[in-house]
Protein backbone atom coordinates (compact mmCIF):
# COMPACT_ATOMS: atom_id res chain seq x y z
CA MET A 1 0.71 -22.83 -6.07
CA THR A 2 -1.41 -25.68 -4.80
CA LEU A 3 -0.26 -29.26 -5.04
CA GLN A 4 -2.94 -29.95 -7.64
CA GLU A 5 -1.65 -27.10 -9.83
CA ARG A 6 1.92 -28.33 -9.36
CA ILE A 7 0.94 -31.78 -10.60
CA SER A 8 -0.65 -30.24 -13.70
CA GLN A 9 2.57 -28.29 -14.34
CA GLU A 10 4.61 -31.48 -13.91
CA ILE A 11 2.40 -33.24 -16.49
CA LYS A 12 3.08 -30.47 -19.01
CA ALA A 13 6.81 -30.61 -18.28
CA ALA A 14 6.84 -34.41 -18.70
CA MET A 15 5.04 -34.05 -22.04
CA LEU A 16 7.59 -31.52 -23.29
CA ALA A 17 10.49 -33.65 -22.06
CA LYS A 18 8.92 -36.75 -23.65
CA ALA A 19 9.33 -38.62 -20.34
CA ALA A 20 6.76 -41.35 -21.03
CA ASP A 21 7.10 -43.25 -17.74
CA ARG A 22 6.86 -40.12 -15.61
CA LEU A 23 3.95 -38.86 -17.71
CA SER A 24 1.95 -42.07 -17.33
CA THR A 25 2.45 -42.04 -13.54
CA LEU A 26 1.37 -38.41 -13.31
CA ARG A 27 -1.68 -39.10 -15.46
CA LEU A 28 -2.68 -41.97 -13.18
CA LEU A 29 -2.36 -39.61 -10.21
CA LYS A 30 -4.43 -36.94 -11.96
CA SER A 31 -7.08 -39.55 -12.71
CA ALA A 32 -7.21 -40.60 -9.04
CA MET A 33 -7.57 -36.94 -8.07
CA GLY A 34 -10.41 -36.55 -10.59
CA TYR A 35 -12.27 -39.51 -9.10
CA SER A 36 -11.85 -37.99 -5.65
CA GLN A 37 -13.22 -34.65 -6.87
CA ILE A 38 -16.26 -36.38 -8.31
CA GLU A 39 -16.76 -38.33 -5.10
CA LYS A 40 -16.51 -35.20 -2.95
CA LYS A 41 -18.50 -33.11 -5.46
CA THR A 42 -15.91 -30.33 -5.41
CA GLU A 43 -14.12 -28.23 -8.00
CA SER A 44 -10.66 -28.50 -6.46
CA LEU A 45 -8.99 -30.53 -3.72
CA SER A 46 -7.09 -29.22 -0.72
CA ASP A 47 -3.39 -30.04 -0.43
CA ALA A 48 -4.21 -32.43 2.43
CA ASP A 49 -6.64 -34.32 0.18
CA VAL A 50 -4.04 -34.54 -2.59
CA VAL A 51 -1.39 -35.80 -0.13
CA GLY A 52 -3.85 -38.48 1.01
CA ILE A 53 -4.45 -39.56 -2.59
CA VAL A 54 -0.71 -39.68 -3.30
CA GLN A 55 -0.15 -41.78 -0.17
CA LYS A 56 -2.87 -44.19 -1.25
CA GLU A 57 -1.32 -44.52 -4.71
CA VAL A 58 2.15 -45.09 -3.20
CA LYS A 59 0.72 -47.81 -0.94
CA LYS A 60 -0.88 -49.53 -3.95
CA ARG A 61 2.43 -49.47 -5.80
CA ARG A 62 4.36 -50.82 -2.80
CA ASP A 63 1.92 -53.70 -2.46
CA SER A 64 2.17 -54.43 -6.19
CA ALA A 65 5.97 -54.29 -6.17
CA GLU A 66 6.04 -56.70 -3.23
CA GLN A 67 3.75 -59.13 -5.05
CA PHE A 68 5.79 -58.90 -8.26
CA GLU A 69 8.99 -59.63 -6.35
CA LYS A 70 7.38 -62.67 -4.70
CA GLY A 71 6.27 -63.83 -8.15
CA GLY A 72 9.73 -63.43 -9.64
CA ARG A 73 8.79 -60.52 -11.91
CA ALA A 74 11.68 -58.16 -11.14
CA GLU A 75 11.07 -55.96 -14.20
CA LEU A 76 7.49 -55.20 -13.15
CA ALA A 77 8.61 -54.59 -9.55
CA ALA A 78 11.21 -52.12 -10.86
CA LYS A 79 8.50 -50.29 -12.83
CA GLU A 80 6.34 -50.00 -9.70
CA ASN A 81 9.33 -48.71 -7.69
CA ALA A 82 10.01 -46.09 -10.38
CA GLU A 83 6.39 -44.94 -10.09
CA ILE A 84 6.77 -44.76 -6.29
CA ALA A 85 9.77 -42.45 -6.74
CA VAL A 86 7.74 -40.10 -8.96
CA LEU A 87 4.78 -40.07 -6.55
CA GLU A 88 6.90 -39.53 -3.45
CA SER A 89 8.19 -36.26 -4.90
CA PHE A 90 4.74 -34.82 -4.10
CA LEU A 91 4.72 -35.96 -0.47
CA PRO A 92 5.95 -33.80 2.40
CA LYS A 93 9.31 -34.73 3.92
CA ALA A 94 8.87 -37.78 6.16
CA LEU A 95 9.42 -37.57 9.90
CA SER A 96 12.69 -38.98 11.20
CA ALA A 97 12.57 -41.93 13.61
CA GLU A 98 13.43 -39.63 16.54
CA GLU A 99 10.73 -37.09 15.63
CA LEU A 100 8.14 -39.84 15.27
CA ASP A 101 9.19 -41.40 18.58
CA ALA A 102 8.83 -38.03 20.33
CA LEU A 103 5.43 -37.49 18.72
CA VAL A 104 4.17 -40.92 19.85
CA ARG A 105 5.48 -40.44 23.40
CA ALA A 106 3.81 -37.02 23.60
CA ALA A 107 0.49 -38.46 22.37
CA ILE A 108 0.67 -41.31 24.92
CA GLN A 109 1.32 -38.85 27.74
CA GLU A 110 -1.31 -36.39 26.48
CA LEU A 111 -4.03 -39.05 26.29
CA GLY A 112 -2.93 -40.82 29.46
CA ALA A 113 -2.71 -44.14 27.64
CA THR A 114 -1.83 -47.04 29.91
CA GLY A 115 -2.00 -50.18 27.80
CA LYS A 116 -2.67 -51.89 24.50
CA LYS A 117 -6.40 -51.12 24.76
CA ASP A 118 -5.56 -47.43 24.26
CA MET A 119 -3.67 -48.00 20.98
CA GLY A 120 -6.49 -46.81 18.68
CA PRO A 121 -6.87 -43.30 20.09
CA VAL A 122 -3.08 -42.86 20.34
CA ILE A 123 -2.55 -43.92 16.71
CA LYS A 124 -5.33 -41.59 15.59
CA ALA A 125 -3.81 -38.66 17.51
CA VAL A 126 -0.34 -39.32 16.10
CA GLN A 127 -1.65 -39.60 12.53
CA ALA A 128 -3.43 -36.25 12.94
CA LYS A 129 -0.24 -34.59 14.19
CA ALA A 130 2.00 -36.28 11.60
CA ALA A 131 -0.28 -35.00 8.81
CA GLY A 132 0.81 -37.53 6.18
CA ARG A 133 4.48 -37.42 7.06
CA ALA A 134 4.53 -40.92 8.57
CA ASP A 135 3.28 -44.33 7.42
CA GLY A 136 0.36 -45.80 9.39
CA LYS A 137 2.08 -49.18 9.71
CA THR A 138 5.18 -47.54 11.22
CA ILE A 139 3.09 -45.51 13.67
CA SER A 140 1.13 -48.60 14.72
CA SER A 141 4.23 -50.69 15.39
CA LEU A 142 5.89 -47.89 17.36
CA VAL A 143 2.79 -47.33 19.49
CA GLY A 144 2.60 -51.09 20.10
CA LYS A 145 6.22 -51.11 21.31
CA LEU A 146 5.84 -48.10 23.59
CA LEU A 147 2.57 -49.10 25.27
CA PRO A 148 2.90 -51.79 27.96
């Protein structure tokens, strides 16, 4: 079962369970996937495309939750965090700090990176190997620490 099919099944299950919050989050995700399909002029999306869309939606929600907390709107921040929890159930298991560190070190050695000017290619290589299992901001900061 593809990730796209799984999301459709989850929408049906949320409808039957009358889980309104979960249902609205899943519908927003399905809508984002529909826009991506139209943009790419395709009938269905690959799992990698769906993971990318989910990551983008999670990032939007994190940014919103942060802004709501700064603005003193705890109830809206809590709603965004609940949506993040639903969306993250569709993401692959994240890399541990040790695994990510090993991946970054391997990419630095593989590319022969020597300094900060080589950060871009290293980050790109790590993101390709991590395949959506690590946050770009985390990768960037780790590469910055490890390169002289």
